[in-house]
Protein backbone atom coordinates (compact mmCIF):
# COMPACT_ATOMS: atom_id res chain seq x y z
CA MET A 1 -18.61 -4.83 7.76
CA LYS A 2 -19.33 -2.08 5.31
CA THR A 3 -23.03 -2.94 5.46
CA SER A 4 -22.91 -2.56 9.24
CA LEU A 5 -21.30 0.87 8.85
CA ASP A 6 -23.88 1.91 6.27
CA ASP A 7 -26.68 0.76 8.60
CA HIS A 8 -25.27 3.02 11.32
CA LEU A 9 -25.04 6.01 8.96
CA ALA A 10 -21.26 6.08 8.76
CA GLU A 11 -19.99 8.87 6.57
CA ASN A 12 -17.24 8.93 3.95
CA VAL A 13 -16.56 5.20 4.11
CA VAL A 14 -13.32 4.38 2.30
CA VAL A 15 -11.91 0.92 1.62
CA ILE A 16 -8.17 0.64 0.99
CA GLU A 17 -6.73 -2.57 -0.41
CA LEU A 18 -3.51 -3.49 1.40
CA GLN A 19 -2.85 -6.88 -0.23
CA GLY A 20 0.68 -6.87 -1.55
CA LYS A 21 1.39 -3.53 0.12
CA SER A 22 1.41 -4.49 3.78
CA SER A 23 1.37 -7.61 5.89
CA ILE A 24 -0.80 -6.08 8.63
CA ALA A 25 -4.10 -6.80 6.84
CA ASP A 26 -5.71 -7.28 3.45
CA TYR A 27 -8.04 -4.29 3.74
CA MET A 28 -8.41 -1.13 5.76
CA ILE A 29 -11.77 0.55 6.21
CA ILE A 30 -11.89 4.18 7.28
CA ALA A 31 -15.18 5.84 8.20
CA SER A 32 -16.44 8.89 10.05
CA GLY A 33 -19.27 9.41 12.49
CA ARG A 34 -20.88 12.68 13.46
CA GLY A 35 -19.87 12.36 17.09
CA SER A 36 -18.41 10.14 19.77
CA ARG A 37 -21.71 8.42 20.61
CA GLN A 38 -22.26 7.37 17.01
CA ILE A 39 -18.67 6.13 16.69
CA ILE A 40 -18.97 4.07 19.87
CA ALA A 41 -22.28 2.59 18.65
CA MET A 42 -20.73 1.73 15.27
CA ALA A 43 -17.75 0.11 16.99
CA ASP A 44 -19.97 -1.92 19.34
CA HIS A 45 -22.01 -3.21 16.42
CA LEU A 46 -18.91 -4.08 14.38
CA LEU A 47 -17.55 -6.05 17.32
CA GLN A 48 -20.80 -8.04 17.42
CA VAL A 49 -20.56 -8.70 13.66
CA LEU A 50 -16.97 -9.89 14.01
CA LYS A 51 -17.88 -12.16 16.95
CA SER A 52 -20.77 -13.63 14.96
CA HIS A 53 -18.23 -14.51 12.22
CA GLY A 54 -15.95 -16.33 14.65
CA GLN A 55 -13.48 -13.58 15.55
CA ILE A 56 -12.71 -13.75 19.24
CA GLY A 57 -10.54 -11.74 21.58
CA ILE A 58 -10.81 -8.47 19.66
CA THR A 59 -10.04 -5.50 21.89
CA PRO A 60 -10.83 -2.18 20.23
CA GLU A 61 -8.62 0.80 20.97
CA GLY A 62 -10.16 4.17 21.82
CA ILE A 63 -13.73 2.99 22.31
CA LYS A 64 -14.11 4.78 25.66
CA GLN A 65 -13.32 8.19 24.18
CA GLY A 66 -14.96 7.69 20.78
CA ASP A 67 -12.71 10.13 18.91
CA TRP A 68 -10.81 7.43 17.01
CA VAL A 69 -11.63 3.76 17.39
CA LEU A 70 -9.33 1.11 15.95
CA ILE A 71 -10.65 -2.42 15.46
CA ASP A 72 -8.23 -5.07 14.28
CA GLY A 73 -10.41 -7.73 12.68
CA GLY A 74 -7.53 -9.81 11.36
CA ASP A 75 -7.67 -9.44 7.59
CA ILE A 76 -9.56 -6.16 7.93
CA ILE A 77 -8.60 -3.18 10.06
CA VAL A 78 -11.28 -0.60 10.77
CA HIS A 79 -10.68 3.02 11.78
CA LEU A 80 -13.68 5.04 12.97
CA PHE A 81 -13.14 8.78 13.42
CA ARG A 82 -14.84 12.00 14.36
CA PRO A 83 -14.43 14.16 11.19
CA GLU A 84 -11.87 16.59 12.63
CA VAL A 85 -9.72 13.75 14.00
CA ARG A 86 -9.86 11.96 10.66
CA GLU A 87 -8.83 15.12 8.85
CA PHE A 88 -5.91 15.63 11.24
CA TYR A 89 -4.48 12.11 10.77
CA ASN A 90 -5.46 11.77 7.08
CA LEU A 91 -4.75 8.04 6.84
CA GLU A 92 -5.92 7.89 3.24
CA LYS A 93 -3.10 10.19 2.18
CA MET A 94 -0.59 8.36 4.36
CA TRP A 95 -1.31 5.04 2.62
CA ASN A 96 -1.38 6.71 -0.81
CA VAL A 97 -3.00 3.67 -2.37
CA GLU A 98 -5.90 3.10 -4.70
CA ILE A 99 -9.17 3.48 -2.86
CA LEU A 100 -11.86 0.89 -3.54
CA GLU A 101 -15.57 1.64 -3.40
CA ASN A 102 -17.85 -1.09 -2.04
CA ASP A 103 -15.41 -3.91 -2.86
CA ILE A 104 -15.50 -5.70 0.48
CA SER A 105 -18.14 -8.34 1.02
CA SER A 106 -20.88 -7.45 3.46
CA GLY A 107 -20.55 -8.54 7.02
């Protein structure tokens, strides 16, 4: 998934390990896009990647607006934000966990 985000020029990609800290997922990926169109394009591509890996029935939240898109990929949850929305919610601080760089396998 991170490779897909990199290919679509996602900015400030952060991977947070949730194993042992939460039962909602093993990892959370947070990334920014420059605008709503880019975020929607990133989300559409991630959905295709997930489908190609056997994930079915994924319904992203917020994809019509493109300010904040949430994709629940099972073991990995992805948040895509416009920069100002990301700064407002500041999920990295909320989770207050060690941030991993490039530790999730490509997808």
